C-alpha atoms as a PDB file:
ATOM      1  CA  MET A   1     -15.187 -12.702  -9.379  1.00  0.00           C
ATOM      2  CA  ARG A   2     -15.695  -9.774  -6.619  1.00  0.00           C
ATOM      3  CA  GLY A   3     -17.561 -10.650  -3.506  1.00  0.00           C
ATOM      4  CA  LEU A   4     -17.599 -10.578  -0.080  1.00  0.00           C
ATOM      5  CA  THR A   5     -15.054 -11.595   2.229  1.00  0.00           C
ATOM      6  CA  SER A   6     -15.823 -14.752   4.196  1.00  0.00           C
ATOM      7  CA  ASP A   7     -12.448 -15.330   6.625  1.00  0.00           C
ATOM      8  CA  MET A   8     -12.894 -12.181   8.270  1.00  0.00           C
ATOM      9  CA  GLY A   9     -16.613 -11.887   9.472  1.00  0.00           C
ATOM     10  CA  SER A  10     -17.022  -8.571   7.461  1.00  0.00           C
ATOM     11  CA  LEU A  11     -19.016  -7.320   4.790  1.00  0.00           C
ATOM     12  CA  ALA A  12     -16.117  -5.616   3.158  1.00  0.00           C
ATOM     13  CA  LEU A  13     -15.765  -5.693  -0.784  1.00  0.00           C
ATOM     14  CA  GLN A  14     -12.650  -6.944  -1.983  1.00  0.00           C
ATOM     15  CA  PRO A  15     -10.804  -5.095  -4.618  1.00  0.00           C
ATOM     16  CA  ARG A  16     -10.956  -5.776  -8.071  1.00  0.00           C
ATOM     17  CA  ASN A  17      -7.130  -5.909  -8.912  1.00  0.00           C
ATOM     18  CA  PRO A  18      -5.710  -8.721  -7.599  1.00  0.00           C
ATOM     19  CA  VAL A  19      -2.005  -6.744  -7.150  1.00  0.00           C
ATOM     20  CA  LEU A  20      -3.679  -4.252  -4.943  1.00  0.00           C
ATOM     21  CA  GLU A  21      -5.660  -6.664  -2.765  1.00  0.00           C
ATOM     22  CA  GLN A  22      -2.278  -8.350  -2.027  1.00  0.00           C
ATOM     23  CA  ALA A  23      -0.932  -5.253  -1.082  1.00  0.00           C
ATOM     24  CA  LEU A  24      -3.625  -3.932   1.255  1.00  0.00           C
ATOM     25  CA  ARG A  25      -3.396  -7.742   2.829  1.00  0.00           C
ATOM     26  CA  ASP A  26       0.352  -7.002   3.442  1.00  0.00           C
ATOM     27  CA  TYR A  27      -0.574  -3.503   4.708  1.00  0.00           C
ATOM     28  CA  ALA A  28      -2.599  -4.965   7.172  1.00  0.00           C
ATOM     29  CA  GLY A  29       0.177  -7.524   8.012  1.00  0.00           C
ATOM     30  CA  GLY A  30       3.071  -5.022   8.342  1.00  0.00           C
ATOM     31  CA  THR A  31       5.185  -6.525   5.756  1.00  0.00           C
ATOM     32  CA  LEU A  32       5.479  -4.201   2.497  1.00  0.00           C
ATOM     33  CA  PRO A  33       8.089  -2.079   1.609  1.00  0.00           C
ATOM     34  CA  ARG A  34       8.551   1.542   3.393  1.00  0.00           C
ATOM     35  CA  ALA A  35       7.866   2.910   0.395  1.00  0.00           C
ATOM     36  CA  LEU A  36       4.345   0.938  -0.671  1.00  0.00           C
ATOM     37  CA  HIS A  37       3.329   1.231   3.021  1.00  0.00           C
ATOM     38  CA  ALA A  38       2.883   4.808   2.465  1.00  0.00           C
ATOM     39  CA  LEU A  39       1.611   4.810  -0.576  1.00  0.00           C
ATOM     40  CA  VAL A  40      -1.220   2.508   1.333  1.00  0.00           C
ATOM     41  CA  GLY A  41      -1.419   4.538   3.874  1.00  0.00           C
ATOM     42  CA  ALA A  42      -1.982   7.906   1.720  1.00  0.00           C
ATOM     43  CA  HIS A  43      -4.572   6.018  -0.176  1.00  0.00           C
ATOM     44  CA  LEU A  44      -6.597   4.882   2.485  1.00  0.00           C
ATOM     45  CA  GLU A  45      -6.576   8.502   4.082  1.00  0.00           C
ATOM     46  CA  LEU A  46      -7.840  10.105   0.686  1.00  0.00           C
ATOM     47  CA  SER A  47     -10.417   7.594  -0.542  1.00  0.00           C
ATOM     48  CA  CYS A  48     -13.026   5.454   1.758  1.00  0.00           C
ATOM     49  CA  GLU A  49     -13.154   2.499  -0.926  1.00  0.00           C
ATOM     50  CA  HIS A  50     -10.965   0.272   0.851  1.00  0.00           C
ATOM     51  CA  ARG A  51     -10.882   1.019   4.707  1.00  0.00           C
ATOM     52  CA  ASP A  52     -13.507  -1.418   5.574  1.00  0.00           C
ATOM     53  CA  PHE A  53     -11.504  -4.024   3.774  1.00  0.00           C
ATOM     54  CA  VAL A  54      -8.296  -3.492   5.723  1.00  0.00           C
ATOM     55  CA  ALA A  55     -10.161  -2.451   8.821  1.00  0.00           C
ATOM     56  CA  SER A  56     -11.503  -6.478   8.475  1.00  0.00           C
ATOM     57  CA  LEU A  57      -8.193  -7.563   7.692  1.00  0.00           C
ATOM     58  CA  GLU A  58      -6.338  -5.577  10.675  1.00  0.00           C
ATOM     59  CA  LYS A  59      -8.933  -7.059  13.121  1.00  0.00           C
ATOM     60  CA  THR A  60      -8.508 -10.457  12.300  1.00  0.00           C
ATOM     61  CA  HIS A  61      -4.732  -9.826  12.647  1.00  0.00           C
ATOM     62  CA  ALA A  62      -5.493  -8.116  15.926  1.00  0.00           C
ATOM     63  CA  SER A  63      -7.344 -11.044  17.255  1.00  0.00           C
ATOM     64  CA  ASN A  64      -4.768 -13.696  16.270  1.00  0.00           C
ATOM     65  CA  GLY A  65      -2.220 -11.855  17.789  1.00  0.00           C
ATOM     66  CA  ILE A  66      -4.032 -11.748  21.182  1.00  0.00           C
ATOM     67  CA  VAL A  67      -5.429 -15.197  21.163  1.00  0.00           C
ATOM     68  CA  ARG A  68      -1.358 -16.305  20.206  1.00  0.00           C
ATOM     69  CA  ALA A  69      -0.235 -13.932  23.146  1.00  0.00           C
ATOM     70  CA  ALA A  70       0.658 -15.227  26.528  1.00  0.00           C
ATOM     71  CA  PRO A  71      -1.511 -13.299  29.267  1.00  0.00           C
ATOM     72  CA  CYS A  72      -0.059 -10.660  30.956  1.00  0.00           C
ATOM     73  CA  GLU A  73      -1.624  -8.425  33.762  1.00  0.00           C
ATOM     74  CA  MET A  74      -3.167  -5.307  32.643  1.00  0.00           C
ATOM     75  CA  ARG A  75      -3.049  -2.010  35.540  1.00  0.00           C
ATOM     76  CA  GLN A  76      -6.284  -0.274  35.722  1.00  0.00           C
ATOM     77  CA  ARG A  77      -8.108  -2.418  33.405  1.00  0.00           C
ATOM     78  CA  GLU A  78     -11.506  -1.354  34.008  1.00  0.00           C
ATOM     79  CA  ASP A  79     -10.422   2.355  34.049  1.00  0.00           C
ATOM     80  CA  ARG A  80      -8.462   1.946  30.215  1.00  0.00           C
ATOM     81  CA  LEU A  81     -11.305   0.209  28.930  1.00  0.00           C
ATOM     82  CA  ALA A  82     -13.644   2.940  30.004  1.00  0.00           C
ATOM     83  CA  ALA A  83     -11.644   5.491  28.777  1.00  0.00           C
ATOM     84  CA  ILE A  84     -11.204   3.958  25.176  1.00  0.00           C
ATOM     85  CA  PHE A  85     -15.105   3.740  25.220  1.00  0.00           C
ATOM     86  CA  GLU A  86     -15.963   7.032  25.910  1.00  0.00           C
ATOM     87  CA  ARG A  87     -14.020   7.961  22.927  1.00  0.00           C
ATOM     88  CA  GLU A  88     -16.530   9.345  20.074  1.00  0.00           C
ATOM     89  CA  PRO A  89     -15.686   7.333  16.937  1.00  0.00           C
ATOM     90  CA  LEU A  90     -14.031   9.421  13.861  1.00  0.00           C
ATOM     91  CA  PRO A  91     -16.674  10.569  11.718  1.00  0.00           C
ATOM     92  CA  ARG A  92     -16.318   8.493   8.268  1.00  0.00           C
ATOM     93  CA  GLU A  93     -16.506  11.644   6.241  1.00  0.00           C
ATOM     94  CA  GLN A  94     -13.330  12.964   8.531  1.00  0.00           C
ATOM     95  CA  CYS A  95     -11.526   9.813   7.767  1.00  0.00           C
ATOM     96  CA  CYS A  96     -11.927  10.422   3.923  1.00  0.00           C
ATOM     97  CA  ARG A  97     -11.015  13.941   3.619  1.00  0.00           C
ATOM     98  CA  ALA A  98      -7.936  14.702   2.251  1.00  0.00           C
ATOM     99  CA  PRO A  99      -5.324  17.305   4.495  1.00  0.00           C
ATOM    100  CA  ARG A 100      -5.469  20.959   3.726  1.00  0.00           C
ATOM    101  CA  ASP A 101      -2.286  21.329   2.255  1.00  0.00           C
ATOM    102  CA  GLY A 102      -2.907  18.139  -0.104  1.00  0.00           C
ATOM    103  CA  TRP A 103      -0.218  15.890   1.555  1.00  0.00           C
ATOM    104  CA  PRO A 104      -1.689  12.768   3.271  1.00  0.00           C
ATOM    105  CA  ARG A 105      -0.150  12.234   6.376  1.00  0.00           C
ATOM    106  CA  ALA A 106       1.342   8.874   5.717  1.00  0.00           C
ATOM    107  CA  LEU A 107       3.129  10.229   2.669  1.00  0.00           C
ATOM    108  CA  GLN A 108       4.691  13.112   4.968  1.00  0.00           C
ATOM    109  CA  HIS A 109       5.837  11.167   7.222  1.00  0.00           C
ATOM    110  CA  TYR A 110       7.530   8.696   4.934  1.00  0.00           C
ATOM    111  CA  LEU A 111       9.026  12.084   3.391  1.00  0.00           C
ATOM    112  CA  SER A 112      10.353  13.527   6.457  1.00  0.00           C
ATOM    113  CA  GLY A 113      10.342  17.209   5.060  1.00  0.00           C
ATOM    114  CA  ALA A 114       8.467  19.576   3.455  1.00  0.00           C
ATOM    115  CA  PRO A 115       6.816  18.545   0.341  1.00  0.00           C
ATOM    116  CA  GLU A 116       7.616  21.917  -1.253  1.00  0.00           C
ATOM    117  CA  ASN A 117      11.318  21.774  -1.024  1.00  0.00           C
ATOM    118  CA  LEU A 118      11.588  18.420  -2.950  1.00  0.00           C
ATOM    119  CA  PRO A 119      13.779  18.726  -6.069  1.00  0.00           C
ATOM    120  CA  PHE A 120      12.309  18.208  -9.026  1.00  0.00           C
ATOM    121  CA  ARG A 121      13.473  17.537 -12.561  1.00  0.00           C
ATOM    122  CA  THR A 122      12.238  17.791 -15.961  1.00  0.00           C
ATOM    123  CA  LEU A 123      12.277  14.731 -18.099  1.00  0.00           C
ATOM    124  CA  LEU A 124      10.021  15.949 -20.858  1.00  0.00           C
ATOM    125  CA  PRO A 125       8.596  18.781 -21.299  1.00  0.00           C
ATOM    126  CA  GLY A 126       5.460  18.848 -19.086  1.00  0.00           C
ATOM    127  CA  ILE A 127       6.850  15.837 -17.486  1.00  0.00           C
ATOM    128  CA  ALA A 128       9.020  16.412 -13.738  1.00  0.00           C
ATOM    129  CA  GLU A 129      10.355  13.858 -11.382  1.00  0.00           C
ATOM    130  CA  CYS A 130      11.722  14.082  -8.361  1.00  0.00           C
ATOM    131  CA  ARG A 131      13.077  10.653  -7.121  1.00  0.00           C
ATOM    132  CA  LEU A 132      12.637   9.829  -3.378  1.00  0.00           C
ATOM    133  CA  ALA A 133      14.241   6.283  -2.472  1.00  0.00           C
ATOM    134  CA  SER A 134      14.985   2.932  -3.731  1.00  0.00           C
ATOM    135  CA  GLU A 135      15.524   0.446  -0.732  1.00  0.00           C
ATOM    136  CA  ASP A 136      13.648  -3.320  -0.384  1.00  0.00           C
ATOM    137  CA  ASN A 137      13.339  -3.932  -3.559  1.00  0.00           C
ATOM    138  CA  ALA A 138      11.018  -0.604  -3.822  1.00  0.00           C
ATOM    139  CA  GLU A 139      12.157   2.660  -5.834  1.00  0.00           C
ATOM    140  CA  ALA A 140       9.704   5.614  -4.773  1.00  0.00           C
ATOM    141  CA  LEU A 141       9.014   8.820  -6.866  1.00  0.00           C
ATOM    142  CA  LEU A 142       6.869  11.878  -7.470  1.00  0.00           C
ATOM    143  CA  TYR A 143       5.862  12.952 -11.103  1.00  0.00           C
ATOM    144  CA  LYS A 144       4.111  16.160 -12.054  1.00  0.00           C
ATOM    145  CA  VAL A 145       1.939  15.953 -15.243  1.00  0.00           C
ATOM    146  CA  ARG A 146       1.352  19.291 -16.909  1.00  0.00           C
ATOM    147  CA  GLY A 147      -2.718  18.685 -17.963  1.00  0.00           C
ATOM    148  CA  GLY A 148      -2.982  17.005 -21.559  1.00  0.00           C
ATOM    149  CA  LYS A 149       0.573  15.554 -21.051  1.00  0.00           C
ATOM    150  CA  LYS A 150       1.253  11.918 -21.946  1.00  0.00           C
ATOM    151  CA  ILE A 151       3.716   9.661 -20.306  1.00  0.00           C
ATOM    152  CA  PRO A 152       5.558   8.212 -22.949  1.00  0.00           C
ATOM    153  CA  GLU A 153       4.346   4.601 -23.346  1.00  0.00           C
ATOM    154  CA  HIS A 154       6.077   1.926 -21.185  1.00  0.00           C
ATOM    155  CA  ILE A 155       5.894  -1.522 -19.800  1.00  0.00           C
ATOM    156  CA  HIS A 156       7.490  -2.368 -16.379  1.00  0.00           C
ATOM    157  CA  GLU A 157       9.520  -5.724 -15.097  1.00  0.00           C
ATOM    158  CA  GLY A 158       7.515  -5.560 -11.754  1.00  0.00           C
ATOM    159  CA  GLU A 159       4.860  -3.657 -10.664  1.00  0.00           C
ATOM    160  CA  GLU A 160       3.785   0.060 -10.684  1.00  0.00           C
ATOM    161  CA  PHE A 161       1.797   1.600  -8.234  1.00  0.00           C
ATOM    162  CA  THR A 162       0.769   5.000  -9.071  1.00  0.00           C
ATOM    163  CA  LEU A 163      -1.327   7.534  -6.349  1.00  0.00           C
ATOM    164  CA  VAL A 164      -3.116  10.542  -7.821  1.00  0.00           C
ATOM    165  CA  LEU A 165      -2.136  13.049  -5.317  1.00  0.00           C
ATOM    166  CA  SER A 166      -4.508  16.019  -7.364  1.00  0.00           C
ATOM    167  CA  GLY A 167      -5.676  16.377 -10.291  1.00  0.00           C
ATOM    168  CA  ALA A 168      -6.541  13.067 -12.615  1.00  0.00           C
ATOM    169  CA  LEU A 169      -4.943  10.601 -14.260  1.00  0.00           C
ATOM    170  CA  LEU A 170      -6.489   9.065 -17.775  1.00  0.00           C
ATOM    171  CA  ASP A 171      -5.490   5.476 -18.521  1.00  0.00           C
ATOM    172  CA  ARG A 172      -6.564   2.310 -20.559  1.00  0.00           C
ATOM    173  CA  GLY A 173     -10.569   3.728 -20.350  1.00  0.00           C
ATOM    174  CA  ARG A 174     -10.421   4.795 -16.962  1.00  0.00           C
ATOM    175  CA  ARG A 175     -10.226   8.086 -14.901  1.00  0.00           C
ATOM    176  CA  TYR A 176      -8.161   8.132 -11.468  1.00  0.00           C
ATOM    177  CA  SER A 177      -9.163  10.804  -9.173  1.00  0.00           C
ATOM    178  CA  PRO A 178      -7.150  11.647  -5.854  1.00  0.00           C
ATOM    179  CA  GLY A 179      -6.665   8.799  -3.647  1.00  0.00           C
ATOM    180  CA  ASP A 180      -7.019   6.323  -6.625  1.00  0.00           C
ATOM    181  CA  VAL A 181      -4.092   3.882  -7.126  1.00  0.00           C
ATOM    182  CA  ASN A 182      -3.574   2.762 -11.189  1.00  0.00           C
ATOM    183  CA  ILE A 183      -1.542  -0.870 -11.201  1.00  0.00           C
ATOM    184  CA  GLY A 184       0.858  -1.559 -14.014  1.00  0.00           C
ATOM    185  CA  ASP A 185       2.908  -4.693 -14.179  1.00  0.00           C
ATOM    186  CA  ASP A 186       4.479  -6.823 -17.191  1.00  0.00           C
ATOM    187  CA  SER A 187       1.273  -7.727 -19.240  1.00  0.00           C
ATOM    188  CA  GLU A 188       0.817  -4.580 -21.243  1.00  0.00           C
ATOM    189  CA  ALA A 189       2.207  -1.085 -21.968  1.00  0.00           C
ATOM    190  CA  HIS A 190       0.360   1.792 -20.993  1.00  0.00           C
ATOM    191  CA  SER A 191       0.446   5.344 -21.743  1.00  0.00           C
ATOM    192  CA  PRO A 192      -0.628   7.290 -18.842  1.00  0.00           C
ATOM    193  CA  MET A 193      -2.018  10.981 -19.548  1.00  0.00           C
ATOM    194  CA  ALA A 194      -2.959  13.675 -17.119  1.00  0.00           C
ATOM    195  CA  GLU A 195      -6.697  15.426 -17.653  1.00  0.00           C
ATOM    196  CA  ALA A 196      -6.362  18.258 -19.591  1.00  0.00           C
ATOM    197  CA  GLY A 197      -7.062  21.671 -17.356  1.00  0.00           C
ATOM    198  CA  GLN A 198      -5.190  20.964 -14.511  1.00  0.00           C
ATOM    199  CA  GLU A 199      -1.245  19.508 -13.344  1.00  0.00           C
ATOM    200  CA  CYS A 200      -1.625  15.978 -12.082  1.00  0.00           C
ATOM    201  CA  LEU A 201       1.042  14.905  -9.206  1.00  0.00           C
ATOM    202  CA  CYS A 202       1.265  11.397  -8.773  1.00  0.00           C
ATOM    203  CA  PHE A 203       3.295   9.140  -5.931  1.00  0.00           C
ATOM    204  CA  VAL A 204       4.887   6.388  -7.426  1.00  0.00           C
ATOM    205  CA  VAL A 205       6.120   3.204  -6.336  1.00  0.00           C
ATOM    206  CA  LEU A 206       7.896   0.602  -8.567  1.00  0.00           C
ATOM    207  CA  THR A 207       8.926  -3.107  -7.520  1.00  0.00           C
ATOM    208  CA  GLY A 208      10.592  -3.409 -11.098  1.00  0.00           C
ATOM    209  CA  ARG A 209      12.336  -1.472 -13.681  1.00  0.00           C
ATOM    210  CA  LEU A 210      10.397   0.890 -16.053  1.00  0.00           C
ATOM    211  CA  LYS A 211      11.074   0.734 -19.858  1.00  0.00           C
ATOM    212  CA  LEU A 212       9.809   3.158 -22.146  1.00  0.00           C
ATOM    213  CA  THR A 213       8.772   1.188 -25.318  1.00  0.00           C
ATOM    214  CA  GLY A 214       7.363   3.739 -28.091  1.00  0.00           C
ATOM    215  CA  PRO A 215       9.619   5.332 -30.344  1.00  0.00           C
ATOM    216  CA  ILE A 216      10.336   8.789 -28.893  1.00  0.00           C
ATOM    217  CA  GLY A 217      10.382   6.746 -25.943  1.00  0.00           C
ATOM    218  CA  ARG A 218      13.019   4.469 -26.531  1.00  0.00           C
ATOM    219  CA  LEU A 219      15.368   7.848 -27.122  1.00  0.00           C
ATOM    220  CA  PHE A 220      14.834   8.783 -23.263  1.00  0.00           C
ATOM    221  CA  ASN A 221      15.094   4.963 -21.848  1.00  0.00           C
ATOM    222  CA  ARG A 222      18.818   6.936 -20.807  1.00  0.00           C
ATOM    223  CA  PHE A 223      17.115   9.163 -18.657  1.00  0.00           C
ATOM    224  CA  MET A 224      14.558   6.912 -16.814  1.00  0.00           C
ATOM    225  CA  GLN A 225      17.301   4.615 -15.003  1.00  0.00           C
END
């Protein structure tokens, strides 16, 4: 049941998906693989949906850290605190607005280069892929899917986190807009489709192998390894 968090003193709503909830908790605790940390950070930049939930987690982590930390002398304490309290809080709408170039700062930092220069290769007509890195048991990729095209049916041996950066993705009766995260796992095969009329750009992190399951998709499994 989706409810209020009780261990954080916050009214932030917990995510409906337990896999995403755990990823958000690990993000706040700083324990995610680098690629997945970038995906969650980009999600929080583009969407306001889970910002309060993560802020509550981070507040709890910070409070616990302060309690456990040994006391130390702070120079110019009053001046530093005054400078913090004089700053205007960042407007909520500014937190949720996508960068002008469409690439969240967290993702730009992860890429460490110009996104427009990334090398994409065609997997199937209308579907292009850019493999970024594989580390800490997580593989990062970018996909460009032409509007109206379906990704071949597949299933996962681990988990698949798909962050929509532009366009829209349709999967299992739901529409995913920029900032939304679609979760795939080993519970069922799926075949996401880019919404007609525009290209869909996605940042994907896999924590296990992806296996195409459809009759046509099986022919292309060797290209997905």
